[in-house]
Amino acid sequence: ELKCSSNESFIWECPSASWGNHDCS
């Protein structure tokens, strides 16, 4: 659930679910 604005310098600066929290395979 990443929601970057494209202005971030690092991918982990983007809003997202917490580390390891997902419903994906």
PDBML (XML) file of the C-alpha atoms, coordinates in Angstrom:
<?xml version="1.0" encoding="UTF-8" ?>
<PDBx:datablock datablockName="MODEL"
   xmlns:PDBx="http://pdbml.pdb.org/schema/pdbx-v50.xsd"
   xmlns:xsi="http://www.w3.org/2001/XMLSchema-instance"
   xsi:schemaLocation="http://pdbml.pdb.org/schema/pdbx-v50.xsd pdbx-v50.xsd">
   <PDBx:atom_siteCategory>
      <PDBx:atom_site id="1">
         <PDBx:B_iso_or_equiv>0.00</PDBx:B_iso_or_equiv>
         <PDBx:Cartn_x>0.000</PDBx:Cartn_x>
         <PDBx:Cartn_y>0.000</PDBx:Cartn_y>
         <PDBx:Cartn_z>0.000</PDBx:Cartn_z>
         <PDBx:auth_asym_id>A</PDBx:auth_asym_id>
         <PDBx:auth_atom_id>CA</PDBx:auth_atom_id>
         <PDBx:auth_comp_id>GLU</PDBx:auth_comp_id>
         <PDBx:auth_seq_id>1</PDBx:auth_seq_id>
         <PDBx:group_PDB>ATOM</PDBx:group_PDB>
         <PDBx:label_alt_id xsi:nil="true" />
         <PDBx:label_asym_id>A</PDBx:label_asym_id>
         <PDBx:label_atom_id>CA</PDBx:label_atom_id>
         <PDBx:label_comp_id>GLU</PDBx:label_comp_id>
         <PDBx:label_entity_id>1</PDBx:label_entity_id>
         <PDBx:label_seq_id>1</PDBx:label_seq_id>
         <PDBx:occupancy>1.00</PDBx:occupancy>
         <PDBx:pdbx_PDB_model_num>1</PDBx:pdbx_PDB_model_num>
         <PDBx:type_symbol>C</PDBx:type_symbol>
      </PDBx:atom_site>
      <PDBx:atom_site id="2">
         <PDBx:B_iso_or_equiv>0.00</PDBx:B_iso_or_equiv>
         <PDBx:Cartn_x>2.728</PDBx:Cartn_x>
         <PDBx:Cartn_y>2.476</PDBx:Cartn_y>
         <PDBx:Cartn_z>-0.942</PDBx:Cartn_z>
         <PDBx:auth_asym_id>A</PDBx:auth_asym_id>
         <PDBx:auth_atom_id>CA</PDBx:auth_atom_id>
         <PDBx:auth_comp_id>LEU</PDBx:auth_comp_id>
         <PDBx:auth_seq_id>2</PDBx:auth_seq_id>
         <PDBx:group_PDB>ATOM</PDBx:group_PDB>
         <PDBx:label_alt_id xsi:nil="true" />
         <PDBx:label_asym_id>A</PDBx:label_asym_id>
         <PDBx:label_atom_id>CA</PDBx:label_atom_id>
         <PDBx:label_comp_id>LEU</PDBx:label_comp_id>
         <PDBx:label_entity_id>1</PDBx:label_entity_id>
         <PDBx:label_seq_id>2</PDBx:label_seq_id>
         <PDBx:occupancy>1.00</PDBx:occupancy>
         <PDBx:pdbx_PDB_model_num>1</PDBx:pdbx_PDB_model_num>
         <PDBx:type_symbol>C</PDBx:type_symbol>
      </PDBx:atom_site>
      <PDBx:atom_site id="3">
         <PDBx:B_iso_or_equiv>0.00</PDBx:B_iso_or_equiv>
         <PDBx:Cartn_x>1.568</PDBx:Cartn_x>
         <PDBx:Cartn_y>5.996</PDBx:Cartn_y>
         <PDBx:Cartn_z>-1.742</PDBx:Cartn_z>
         <PDBx:auth_asym_id>A</PDBx:auth_asym_id>
         <PDBx:auth_atom_id>CA</PDBx:auth_atom_id>
         <PDBx:auth_comp_id>LYS</PDBx:auth_comp_id>
         <PDBx:auth_seq_id>3</PDBx:auth_seq_id>
         <PDBx:group_PDB>ATOM</PDBx:group_PDB>
         <PDBx:label_alt_id xsi:nil="true" />
         <PDBx:label_asym_id>A</PDBx:label_asym_id>
         <PDBx:label_atom_id>CA</PDBx:label_atom_id>
         <PDBx:label_comp_id>LYS</PDBx:label_comp_id>
         <PDBx:label_entity_id>1</PDBx:label_entity_id>
         <PDBx:label_seq_id>3</PDBx:label_seq_id>
         <PDBx:occupancy>1.00</PDBx:occupancy>
         <PDBx:pdbx_PDB_model_num>1</PDBx:pdbx_PDB_model_num>
         <PDBx:type_symbol>C</PDBx:type_symbol>
      </PDBx:atom_site>
      <PDBx:atom_site id="4">
         <PDBx:B_iso_or_equiv>0.00</PDBx:B_iso_or_equiv>
         <PDBx:Cartn_x>4.634</PDBx:Cartn_x>
         <PDBx:Cartn_y>7.950</PDBx:Cartn_y>
         <PDBx:Cartn_z>-2.880</PDBx:Cartn_z>
         <PDBx:auth_asym_id>A</PDBx:auth_asym_id>
         <PDBx:auth_atom_id>CA</PDBx:auth_atom_id>
         <PDBx:auth_comp_id>CYS</PDBx:auth_comp_id>
         <PDBx:auth_seq_id>4</PDBx:auth_seq_id>
         <PDBx:group_PDB>ATOM</PDBx:group_PDB>
         <PDBx:label_alt_id xsi:nil="true" />
         <PDBx:label_asym_id>A</PDBx:label_asym_id>
         <PDBx:label_atom_id>CA</PDBx:label_atom_id>
         <PDBx:label_comp_id>CYS</PDBx:label_comp_id>
         <PDBx:label_entity_id>1</PDBx:label_entity_id>
         <PDBx:label_seq_id>4</PDBx:label_seq_id>
         <PDBx:occupancy>1.00</PDBx:occupancy>
         <PDBx:pdbx_PDB_model_num>1</PDBx:pdbx_PDB_model_num>
         <PDBx:type_symbol>C</PDBx:type_symbol>
      </PDBx:atom_site>
      <PDBx:atom_site id="5">
         <PDBx:B_iso_or_equiv>0.00</PDBx:B_iso_or_equiv>
         <PDBx:Cartn_x>4.415</PDBx:Cartn_x>
         <PDBx:Cartn_y>11.507</PDBx:Cartn_y>
         <PDBx:Cartn_z>-4.208</PDBx:Cartn_z>
         <PDBx:auth_asym_id>A</PDBx:auth_asym_id>
         <PDBx:auth_atom_id>CA</PDBx:auth_atom_id>
         <PDBx:auth_comp_id>SER</PDBx:auth_comp_id>
         <PDBx:auth_seq_id>5</PDBx:auth_seq_id>
         <PDBx:group_PDB>ATOM</PDBx:group_PDB>
         <PDBx:label_alt_id xsi:nil="true" />
         <PDBx:label_asym_id>A</PDBx:label_asym_id>
         <PDBx:label_atom_id>CA</PDBx:label_atom_id>
         <PDBx:label_comp_id>SER</PDBx:label_comp_id>
         <PDBx:label_entity_id>1</PDBx:label_entity_id>
         <PDBx:label_seq_id>5</PDBx:label_seq_id>
         <PDBx:occupancy>1.00</PDBx:occupancy>
         <PDBx:pdbx_PDB_model_num>1</PDBx:pdbx_PDB_model_num>
         <PDBx:type_symbol>C</PDBx:type_symbol>
      </PDBx:atom_site>
      <PDBx:atom_site id="6">
         <PDBx:B_iso_or_equiv>0.00</PDBx:B_iso_or_equiv>
         <PDBx:Cartn_x>7.616</PDBx:Cartn_x>
         <PDBx:Cartn_y>10.940</PDBx:Cartn_y>
         <PDBx:Cartn_z>-6.284</PDBx:Cartn_z>
         <PDBx:auth_asym_id>A</PDBx:auth_asym_id>
         <PDBx:auth_atom_id>CA</PDBx:auth_atom_id>
         <PDBx:auth_comp_id>SER</PDBx:auth_comp_id>
         <PDBx:auth_seq_id>6</PDBx:auth_seq_id>
         <PDBx:group_PDB>ATOM</PDBx:group_PDB>
         <PDBx:label_alt_id xsi:nil="true" />
         <PDBx:label_asym_id>A</PDBx:label_asym_id>
         <PDBx:label_atom_id>CA</PDBx:label_atom_id>
         <PDBx:label_comp_id>SER</PDBx:label_comp_id>
         <PDBx:label_entity_id>1</PDBx:label_entity_id>
         <PDBx:label_seq_id>6</PDBx:label_seq_id>
         <PDBx:occupancy>1.00</PDBx:occupancy>
         <PDBx:pdbx_PDB_model_num>1</PDBx:pdbx_PDB_model_num>
         <PDBx:type_symbol>C</PDBx:type_symbol>
      </PDBx:atom_site>
      <PDBx:atom_site id="7">
         <PDBx:B_iso_or_equiv>0.00</PDBx:B_iso_or_equiv>
         <PDBx:Cartn_x>9.396</PDBx:Cartn_x>
         <PDBx:Cartn_y>13.654</PDBx:Cartn_y>
         <PDBx:Cartn_z>-4.267</PDBx:Cartn_z>
         <PDBx:auth_asym_id>A</PDBx:auth_asym_id>
         <PDBx:auth_atom_id>CA</PDBx:auth_atom_id>
         <PDBx:auth_comp_id>ASN</PDBx:auth_comp_id>
         <PDBx:auth_seq_id>7</PDBx:auth_seq_id>
         <PDBx:group_PDB>ATOM</PDBx:group_PDB>
         <PDBx:label_alt_id xsi:nil="true" />
         <PDBx:label_asym_id>A</PDBx:label_asym_id>
         <PDBx:label_atom_id>CA</PDBx:label_atom_id>
         <PDBx:label_comp_id>ASN</PDBx:label_comp_id>
         <PDBx:label_entity_id>1</PDBx:label_entity_id>
         <PDBx:label_seq_id>7</PDBx:label_seq_id>
         <PDBx:occupancy>1.00</PDBx:occupancy>
         <PDBx:pdbx_PDB_model_num>1</PDBx:pdbx_PDB_model_num>
         <PDBx:type_symbol>C</PDBx:type_symbol>
      </PDBx:atom_site>
      <PDBx:atom_site id="8">
         <PDBx:B_iso_or_equiv>0.00</PDBx:B_iso_or_equiv>
         <PDBx:Cartn_x>10.759</PDBx:Cartn_x>
         <PDBx:Cartn_y>11.234</PDBx:Cartn_y>
         <PDBx:Cartn_z>-1.679</PDBx:Cartn_z>
         <PDBx:auth_asym_id>A</PDBx:auth_asym_id>
         <PDBx:auth_atom_id>CA</PDBx:auth_atom_id>
         <PDBx:auth_comp_id>GLU</PDBx:auth_comp_id>
         <PDBx:auth_seq_id>8</PDBx:auth_seq_id>
         <PDBx:group_PDB>ATOM</PDBx:group_PDB>
         <PDBx:label_alt_id xsi:nil="true" />
         <PDBx:label_asym_id>A</PDBx:label_asym_id>
         <PDBx:label_atom_id>CA</PDBx:label_atom_id>
         <PDBx:label_comp_id>GLU</PDBx:label_comp_id>
         <PDBx:label_entity_id>1</PDBx:label_entity_id>
         <PDBx:label_seq_id>8</PDBx:label_seq_id>
         <PDBx:occupancy>1.00</PDBx:occupancy>
         <PDBx:pdbx_PDB_model_num>1</PDBx:pdbx_PDB_model_num>
         <PDBx:type_symbol>C</PDBx:type_symbol>
      </PDBx:atom_site>
      <PDBx:atom_site id="9">
         <PDBx:B_iso_or_equiv>0.00</PDBx:B_iso_or_equiv>
         <PDBx:Cartn_x>14.465</PDBx:Cartn_x>
         <PDBx:Cartn_y>10.329</PDBx:Cartn_y>
         <PDBx:Cartn_z>-1.745</PDBx:Cartn_z>
         <PDBx:auth_asym_id>A</PDBx:auth_asym_id>
         <PDBx:auth_atom_id>CA</PDBx:auth_atom_id>
         <PDBx:auth_comp_id>SER</PDBx:auth_comp_id>
         <PDBx:auth_seq_id>9</PDBx:auth_seq_id>
         <PDBx:group_PDB>ATOM</PDBx:group_PDB>
         <PDBx:label_alt_id xsi:nil="true" />
         <PDBx:label_asym_id>A</PDBx:label_asym_id>
         <PDBx:label_atom_id>CA</PDBx:label_atom_id>
         <PDBx:label_comp_id>SER</PDBx:label_comp_id>
         <PDBx:label_entity_id>1</PDBx:label_entity_id>
         <PDBx:label_seq_id>9</PDBx:label_seq_id>
         <PDBx:occupancy>1.00</PDBx:occupancy>
         <PDBx:pdbx_PDB_model_num>1</PDBx:pdbx_PDB_model_num>
         <PDBx:type_symbol>C</PDBx:type_symbol>
      </PDBx:atom_site>
      <PDBx:atom_site id="10">
         <PDBx:B_iso_or_equiv>0.00</PDBx:B_iso_or_equiv>
         <PDBx:Cartn_x>13.949</PDBx:Cartn_x>
         <PDBx:Cartn_y>6.793</PDBx:Cartn_y>
         <PDBx:Cartn_z>-0.385</PDBx:Cartn_z>
         <PDBx:auth_asym_id>A</PDBx:auth_asym_id>
         <PDBx:auth_atom_id>CA</PDBx:auth_atom_id>
         <PDBx:auth_comp_id>PHE</PDBx:auth_comp_id>
         <PDBx:auth_seq_id>10</PDBx:auth_seq_id>
         <PDBx:group_PDB>ATOM</PDBx:group_PDB>
         <PDBx:label_alt_id xsi:nil="true" />
         <PDBx:label_asym_id>A</PDBx:label_asym_id>
         <PDBx:label_atom_id>CA</PDBx:label_atom_id>
         <PDBx:label_comp_id>PHE</PDBx:label_comp_id>
         <PDBx:label_entity_id>1</PDBx:label_entity_id>
         <PDBx:label_seq_id>10</PDBx:label_seq_id>
         <PDBx:occupancy>1.00</PDBx:occupancy>
         <PDBx:pdbx_PDB_model_num>1</PDBx:pdbx_PDB_model_num>
         <PDBx:type_symbol>C</PDBx:type_symbol>
      </PDBx:atom_site>
      <PDBx:atom_site id="11">
         <PDBx:B_iso_or_equiv>0.00</PDBx:B_iso_or_equiv>
         <PDBx:Cartn_x>11.113</PDBx:Cartn_x>
         <PDBx:Cartn_y>4.350</PDBx:Cartn_y>
         <PDBx:Cartn_z>-0.989</PDBx:Cartn_z>
         <PDBx:auth_asym_id>A</PDBx:auth_asym_id>
         <PDBx:auth_atom_id>CA</PDBx:auth_atom_id>
         <PDBx:auth_comp_id>ILE</PDBx:auth_comp_id>
         <PDBx:auth_seq_id>11</PDBx:auth_seq_id>
         <PDBx:group_PDB>ATOM</PDBx:group_PDB>
         <PDBx:label_alt_id xsi:nil="true" />
         <PDBx:label_asym_id>A</PDBx:label_asym_id>
         <PDBx:label_atom_id>CA</PDBx:label_atom_id>
         <PDBx:label_comp_id>ILE</PDBx:label_comp_id>
         <PDBx:label_entity_id>1</PDBx:label_entity_id>
         <PDBx:label_seq_id>11</PDBx:label_seq_id>
         <PDBx:occupancy>1.00</PDBx:occupancy>
         <PDBx:pdbx_PDB_model_num>1</PDBx:pdbx_PDB_model_num>
         <PDBx:type_symbol>C</PDBx:type_symbol>
      </PDBx:atom_site>
      <PDBx:atom_site id="12">
         <PDBx:B_iso_or_equiv>0.00</PDBx:B_iso_or_equiv>
         <PDBx:Cartn_x>10.707</PDBx:Cartn_x>
         <PDBx:Cartn_y>3.740</PDBx:Cartn_y>
         <PDBx:Cartn_z>2.749</PDBx:Cartn_z>
         <PDBx:auth_asym_id>A</PDBx:auth_asym_id>
         <PDBx:auth_atom_id>CA</PDBx:auth_atom_id>
         <PDBx:auth_comp_id>TRP</PDBx:auth_comp_id>
         <PDBx:auth_seq_id>12</PDBx:auth_seq_id>
         <PDBx:group_PDB>ATOM</PDBx:group_PDB>
         <PDBx:label_alt_id xsi:nil="true" />
         <PDBx:label_asym_id>A</PDBx:label_asym_id>
         <PDBx:label_atom_id>CA</PDBx:label_atom_id>
         <PDBx:label_comp_id>TRP</PDBx:label_comp_id>
         <PDBx:label_entity_id>1</PDBx:label_entity_id>
         <PDBx:label_seq_id>12</PDBx:label_seq_id>
         <PDBx:occupancy>1.00</PDBx:occupancy>
         <PDBx:pdbx_PDB_model_num>1</PDBx:pdbx_PDB_model_num>
         <PDBx:type_symbol>C</PDBx:type_symbol>
      </PDBx:atom_site>
      <PDBx:atom_site id="13">
         <PDBx:B_iso_or_equiv>0.00</PDBx:B_iso_or_equiv>
         <PDBx:Cartn_x>9.955</PDBx:Cartn_x>
         <PDBx:Cartn_y>7.451</PDBx:Cartn_y>
         <PDBx:Cartn_z>3.248</PDBx:Cartn_z>
         <PDBx:auth_asym_id>A</PDBx:auth_asym_id>
         <PDBx:auth_atom_id>CA</PDBx:auth_atom_id>
         <PDBx:auth_comp_id>GLU</PDBx:auth_comp_id>
         <PDBx:auth_seq_id>13</PDBx:auth_seq_id>
         <PDBx:group_PDB>ATOM</PDBx:group_PDB>
         <PDBx:label_alt_id xsi:nil="true" />
         <PDBx:label_asym_id>A</PDBx:label_asym_id>
         <PDBx:label_atom_id>CA</PDBx:label_atom_id>
         <PDBx:label_comp_id>GLU</PDBx:label_comp_id>
         <PDBx:label_entity_id>1</PDBx:label_entity_id>
         <PDBx:label_seq_id>13</PDBx:label_seq_id>
         <PDBx:occupancy>1.00</PDBx:occupancy>
         <PDBx:pdbx_PDB_model_num>1</PDBx:pdbx_PDB_model_num>
         <PDBx:type_symbol>C</PDBx:type_symbol>
      </PDBx:atom_site>
      <PDBx:atom_site id="14">
         <PDBx:B_iso_or_equiv>0.00</PDBx:B_iso_or_equiv>
         <PDBx:Cartn_x>6.666</PDBx:Cartn_x>
         <PDBx:Cartn_y>6.989</PDBx:Cartn_y>
         <PDBx:Cartn_z>1.356</PDBx:Cartn_z>
         <PDBx:auth_asym_id>A</PDBx:auth_asym_id>
         <PDBx:auth_atom_id>CA</PDBx:auth_atom_id>
         <PDBx:auth_comp_id>CYS</PDBx:auth_comp_id>
         <PDBx:auth_seq_id>14</PDBx:auth_seq_id>
         <PDBx:group_PDB>ATOM</PDBx:group_PDB>
         <PDBx:label_alt_id xsi:nil="true" />
         <PDBx:label_asym_id>A</PDBx:label_asym_id>
         <PDBx:label_atom_id>CA</PDBx:label_atom_id>
         <PDBx:label_comp_id>CYS</PDBx:label_comp_id>
         <PDBx:label_entity_id>1</PDBx:label_entity_id>
         <PDBx:label_seq_id>14</PDBx:label_seq_id>
         <PDBx:occupancy>1.00</PDBx:occupancy>
         <PDBx:pdbx_PDB_model_num>1</PDBx:pdbx_PDB_model_num>
         <PDBx:type_symbol>C</PDBx:type_symbol>
      </PDBx:atom_site>
      <PDBx:atom_site id="15">
         <PDBx:B_iso_or_equiv>0.00</PDBx:B_iso_or_equiv>
         <PDBx:Cartn_x>3.412</PDBx:Cartn_x>
         <PDBx:Cartn_y>6.454</PDBx:Cartn_y>
         <PDBx:Cartn_z>3.253</PDBx:Cartn_z>
         <PDBx:auth_asym_id>A</PDBx:auth_asym_id>
         <PDBx:auth_atom_id>CA</PDBx:auth_atom_id>
         <PDBx:auth_comp_id>PRO</PDBx:auth_comp_id>
         <PDBx:auth_seq_id>15</PDBx:auth_seq_id>
         <PDBx:group_PDB>ATOM</PDBx:group_PDB>
         <PDBx:label_alt_id xsi:nil="true" />
         <PDBx:label_asym_id>A</PDBx:label_asym_id>
         <PDBx:label_atom_id>CA</PDBx:label_atom_id>
         <PDBx:label_comp_id>PRO</PDBx:label_comp_id>
         <PDBx:label_entity_id>1</PDBx:label_entity_id>
         <PDBx:label_seq_id>15</PDBx:label_seq_id>
         <PDBx:occupancy>1.00</PDBx:occupancy>
         <PDBx:pdbx_PDB_model_num>1</PDBx:pdbx_PDB_model_num>
         <PDBx:type_symbol>C</PDBx:type_symbol>
      </PDBx:atom_site>
      <PDBx:atom_site id="16">
         <PDBx:B_iso_or_equiv>0.00</PDBx:B_iso_or_equiv>
         <PDBx:Cartn_x>2.667</PDBx:Cartn_x>
         <PDBx:Cartn_y>2.723</PDBx:Cartn_y>
         <PDBx:Cartn_z>3.452</PDBx:Cartn_z>
         <PDBx:auth_asym_id>A</PDBx:auth_asym_id>
         <PDBx:auth_atom_id>CA</PDBx:auth_atom_id>
         <PDBx:auth_comp_id>SER</PDBx:auth_comp_id>
         <PDBx:auth_seq_id>16</PDBx:auth_seq_id>
         <PDBx:group_PDB>ATOM</PDBx:group_PDB>
         <PDBx:label_alt_id xsi:nil="true" />
         <PDBx:label_asym_id>A</PDBx:label_asym_id>
         <PDBx:label_atom_id>CA</PDBx:label_atom_id>
         <PDBx:label_comp_id>SER</PDBx:label_comp_id>
         <PDBx:label_entity_id>1</PDBx:label_entity_id>
         <PDBx:label_seq_id>16</PDBx:label_seq_id>
         <PDBx:occupancy>1.00</PDBx:occupancy>
         <PDBx:pdbx_PDB_model_num>1</PDBx:pdbx_PDB_model_num>
         <PDBx:type_symbol>C</PDBx:type_symbol>
      </PDBx:atom_site>
      <PDBx:atom_site id="17">
         <PDBx:B_iso_or_equiv>0.00</PDBx:B_iso_or_equiv>
         <PDBx:Cartn_x>1.453</PDBx:Cartn_x>
         <PDBx:Cartn_y>-0.069</PDBx:Cartn_y>
         <PDBx:Cartn_z>5.674</PDBx:Cartn_z>
         <PDBx:auth_asym_id>A</PDBx:auth_asym_id>
         <PDBx:auth_atom_id>CA</PDBx:auth_atom_id>
         <PDBx:auth_comp_id>ALA</PDBx:auth_comp_id>
         <PDBx:auth_seq_id>17</PDBx:auth_seq_id>
         <PDBx:group_PDB>ATOM</PDBx:group_PDB>
         <PDBx:label_alt_id xsi:nil="true" />
         <PDBx:label_asym_id>A</PDBx:label_asym_id>
         <PDBx:label_atom_id>CA</PDBx:label_atom_id>
         <PDBx:label_comp_id>ALA</PDBx:label_comp_id>
         <PDBx:label_entity_id>1</PDBx:label_entity_id>
         <PDBx:label_seq_id>17</PDBx:label_seq_id>
         <PDBx:occupancy>1.00</PDBx:occupancy>
         <PDBx:pdbx_PDB_model_num>1</PDBx:pdbx_PDB_model_num>
         <PDBx:type_symbol>C</PDBx:type_symbol>
      </PDBx:atom_site>
      <PDBx:atom_site id="18">
         <PDBx:B_iso_or_equiv>0.00</PDBx:B_iso_or_equiv>
         <PDBx:Cartn_x>3.852</PDBx:Cartn_x>
         <PDBx:Cartn_y>-0.903</PDBx:Cartn_y>
         <PDBx:Cartn_z>8.489</PDBx:Cartn_z>
         <PDBx:auth_asym_id>A</PDBx:auth_asym_id>
         <PDBx:auth_atom_id>CA</PDBx:auth_atom_id>
         <PDBx:auth_comp_id>SER</PDBx:auth_comp_id>
         <PDBx:auth_seq_id>18</PDBx:auth_seq_id>
         <PDBx:group_PDB>ATOM</PDBx:group_PDB>
         <PDBx:label_alt_id xsi:nil="true" />
         <PDBx:label_asym_id>A</PDBx:label_asym_id>
         <PDBx:label_atom_id>CA</PDBx:label_atom_id>
         <PDBx:label_comp_id>SER</PDBx:label_comp_id>
         <PDBx:label_entity_id>1</PDBx:label_entity_id>
         <PDBx:label_seq_id>18</PDBx:label_seq_id>
         <PDBx:occupancy>1.00</PDBx:occupancy>
         <PDBx:pdbx_PDB_model_num>1</PDBx:pdbx_PDB_model_num>
         <PDBx:type_symbol>C</PDBx:type_symbol>
      </PDBx:atom_site>
      <PDBx:atom_site id="19">
         <PDBx:B_iso_or_equiv>0.00</PDBx:B_iso_or_equiv>
         <PDBx:Cartn_x>6.871</PDBx:Cartn_x>
         <PDBx:Cartn_y>-3.114</PDBx:Cartn_y>
         <PDBx:Cartn_z>7.774</PDBx:Cartn_z>
         <PDBx:auth_asym_id>A</PDBx:auth_asym_id>
         <PDBx:auth_atom_id>CA</PDBx:auth_atom_id>
         <PDBx:auth_comp_id>TRP</PDBx:auth_comp_id>
         <PDBx:auth_seq_id>19</PDBx:auth_seq_id>
         <PDBx:group_PDB>ATOM</PDBx:group_PDB>
         <PDBx:label_alt_id xsi:nil="true" />
         <PDBx:label_asym_id>A</PDBx:label_asym_id>
         <PDBx:label_atom_id>CA</PDBx:label_atom_id>
         <PDBx:label_comp_id>TRP</PDBx:label_comp_id>
         <PDBx:label_entity_id>1</PDBx:label_entity_id>
         <PDBx:label_seq_id>19</PDBx:label_seq_id>
         <PDBx:occupancy>1.00</PDBx:occupancy>
         <PDBx:pdbx_PDB_model_num>1</PDBx:pdbx_PDB_model_num>
         <PDBx:type_symbol>C</PDBx:type_symbol>
      </PDBx:atom_site>
      <PDBx:atom_site id="20">
         <PDBx:B_iso_or_equiv>0.00</PDBx:B_iso_or_equiv>
         <PDBx:Cartn_x>5.755</PDBx:Cartn_x>
         <PDBx:Cartn_y>-6.681</PDBx:Cartn_y>
         <PDBx:Cartn_z>7.007</PDBx:Cartn_z>
         <PDBx:auth_asym_id>A</PDBx:auth_asym_id>
         <PDBx:auth_atom_id>CA</PDBx:auth_atom_id>
         <PDBx:auth_comp_id>GLY</PDBx:auth_comp_id>
         <PDBx:auth_seq_id>20</PDBx:auth_seq_id>
         <PDBx:group_PDB>ATOM</PDBx:group_PDB>
         <PDBx:label_alt_id xsi:nil="true" />
         <PDBx:label_asym_id>A</PDBx:label_asym_id>
         <PDBx:label_atom_id>CA</PDBx:label_atom_id>
         <PDBx:label_comp_id>GLY</PDBx:label_comp_id>
         <PDBx:label_entity_id>1</PDBx:label_entity_id>
         <PDBx:label_seq_id>20</PDBx:label_seq_id>
         <PDBx:occupancy>1.00</PDBx:occupancy>
         <PDBx:pdbx_PDB_model_num>1</PDBx:pdbx_PDB_model_num>
         <PDBx:type_symbol>C</PDBx:type_symbol>
      </PDBx:atom_site>
      <PDBx:atom_site id="21">
         <PDBx:B_iso_or_equiv>0.00</PDBx:B_iso_or_equiv>
         <PDBx:Cartn_x>2.036</PDBx:Cartn_x>
         <PDBx:Cartn_y>-5.850</PDBx:Cartn_y>
         <PDBx:Cartn_z>7.242</PDBx:Cartn_z>
         <PDBx:auth_asym_id>A</PDBx:auth_asym_id>
         <PDBx:auth_atom_id>CA</PDBx:auth_atom_id>
         <PDBx:auth_comp_id>ASN</PDBx:auth_comp_id>
         <PDBx:auth_seq_id>21</PDBx:auth_seq_id>
         <PDBx:group_PDB>ATOM</PDBx:group_PDB>
         <PDBx:label_alt_id xsi:nil="true" />
         <PDBx:label_asym_id>A</PDBx:label_asym_id>
         <PDBx:label_atom_id>CA</PDBx:label_atom_id>
         <PDBx:label_comp_id>ASN</PDBx:label_comp_id>
         <PDBx:label_entity_id>1</PDBx:label_entity_id>
         <PDBx:label_seq_id>21</PDBx:label_seq_id>
         <PDBx:occupancy>1.00</PDBx:occupancy>
         <PDBx:pdbx_PDB_model_num>1</PDBx:pdbx_PDB_model_num>
         <PDBx:type_symbol>C</PDBx:type_symbol>
      </PDBx:atom_site>
      <PDBx:atom_site id="22">
         <PDBx:B_iso_or_equiv>0.00</PDBx:B_iso_or_equiv>
         <PDBx:Cartn_x>0.346</PDBx:Cartn_x>
         <PDBx:Cartn_y>-7.001</PDBx:Cartn_y>
         <PDBx:Cartn_z>3.997</PDBx:Cartn_z>
         <PDBx:auth_asym_id>A</PDBx:auth_asym_id>
         <PDBx:auth_atom_id>CA</PDBx:auth_atom_id>
         <PDBx:auth_comp_id>HIS</PDBx:auth_comp_id>
         <PDBx:auth_seq_id>22</PDBx:auth_seq_id>
         <PDBx:group_PDB>ATOM</PDBx:group_PDB>
         <PDBx:label_alt_id xsi:nil="true" />
         <PDBx:label_asym_id>A</PDBx:label_asym_id>
         <PDBx:label_atom_id>CA</PDBx:label_atom_id>
         <PDBx:label_comp_id>HIS</PDBx:label_comp_id>
         <PDBx:label_entity_id>1</PDBx:label_entity_id>
         <PDBx:label_seq_id>22</PDBx:label_seq_id>
         <PDBx:occupancy>1.00</PDBx:occupancy>
         <PDBx:pdbx_PDB_model_num>1</PDBx:pdbx_PDB_model_num>
         <PDBx:type_symbol>C</PDBx:type_symbol>
      </PDBx:atom_site>
      <PDBx:atom_site id="23">
         <PDBx:B_iso_or_equiv>0.00</PDBx:B_iso_or_equiv>
         <PDBx:Cartn_x>-2.274</PDBx:Cartn_x>
         <PDBx:Cartn_y>-9.274</PDBx:Cartn_y>
         <PDBx:Cartn_z>2.441</PDBx:Cartn_z>
         <PDBx:auth_asym_id>A</PDBx:auth_asym_id>
         <PDBx:auth_atom_id>CA</PDBx:auth_atom_id>
         <PDBx:auth_comp_id>ASP</PDBx:auth_comp_id>
         <PDBx:auth_seq_id>23</PDBx:auth_seq_id>
         <PDBx:group_PDB>ATOM</PDBx:group_PDB>
         <PDBx:label_alt_id xsi:nil="true" />
         <PDBx:label_asym_id>A</PDBx:label_asym_id>
         <PDBx:label_atom_id>CA</PDBx:label_atom_id>
         <PDBx:label_comp_id>ASP</PDBx:label_comp_id>
         <PDBx:label_entity_id>1</PDBx:label_entity_id>
         <PDBx:label_seq_id>23</PDBx:label_seq_id>
         <PDBx:occupancy>1.00</PDBx:occupancy>
         <PDBx:pdbx_PDB_model_num>1</PDBx:pdbx_PDB_model_num>
         <PDBx:type_symbol>C</PDBx:type_symbol>
      </PDBx:atom_site>
      <PDBx:atom_site id="24">
         <PDBx:B_iso_or_equiv>0.00</PDBx:B_iso_or_equiv>
         <PDBx:Cartn_x>-0.208</PDBx:Cartn_x>
         <PDBx:Cartn_y>-10.312</PDBx:Cartn_y>
         <PDBx:Cartn_z>-0.603</PDBx:Cartn_z>
         <PDBx:auth_asym_id>A</PDBx:auth_asym_id>
         <PDBx:auth_atom_id>CA</PDBx:auth_atom_id>
         <PDBx:auth_comp_id>CYS</PDBx:auth_comp_id>
         <PDBx:auth_seq_id>24</PDBx:auth_seq_id>
         <PDBx:group_PDB>ATOM</PDBx:group_PDB>
         <PDBx:label_alt_id xsi:nil="true" />
         <PDBx:label_asym_id>A</PDBx:label_asym_id>
         <PDBx:label_atom_id>CA</PDBx:label_atom_id>
         <PDBx:label_comp_id>CYS</PDBx:label_comp_id>
         <PDBx:label_entity_id>1</PDBx:label_entity_id>
         <PDBx:label_seq_id>24</PDBx:label_seq_id>
         <PDBx:occupancy>1.00</PDBx:occupancy>
         <PDBx:pdbx_PDB_model_num>1</PDBx:pdbx_PDB_model_num>
         <PDBx:type_symbol>C</PDBx:type_symbol>
      </PDBx:atom_site>
      <PDBx:atom_site id="25">
         <PDBx:B_iso_or_equiv>0.00</PDBx:B_iso_or_equiv>
         <PDBx:Cartn_x>1.541</PDBx:Cartn_x>
         <PDBx:Cartn_y>-13.356</PDBx:Cartn_y>
         <PDBx:Cartn_z>-1.999</PDBx:Cartn_z>
         <PDBx:auth_asym_id>A</PDBx:auth_asym_id>
         <PDBx:auth_atom_id>CA</PDBx:auth_atom_id>
         <PDBx:auth_comp_id>SER</PDBx:auth_comp_id>
         <PDBx:auth_seq_id>25</PDBx:auth_seq_id>
         <PDBx:group_PDB>ATOM</PDBx:group_PDB>
         <PDBx:label_alt_id xsi:nil="true" />
         <PDBx:label_asym_id>A</PDBx:label_asym_id>
         <PDBx:label_atom_id>CA</PDBx:label_atom_id>
         <PDBx:label_comp_id>SER</PDBx:label_comp_id>
         <PDBx:label_entity_id>1</PDBx:label_entity_id>
         <PDBx:label_seq_id>25</PDBx:label_seq_id>
         <PDBx:occupancy>1.00</PDBx:occupancy>
         <PDBx:pdbx_PDB_model_num>1</PDBx:pdbx_PDB_model_num>
         <PDBx:type_symbol>C</PDBx:type_symbol>
      </PDBx:atom_site>
   </PDBx:atom_siteCategory>
</PDBx:datablock>
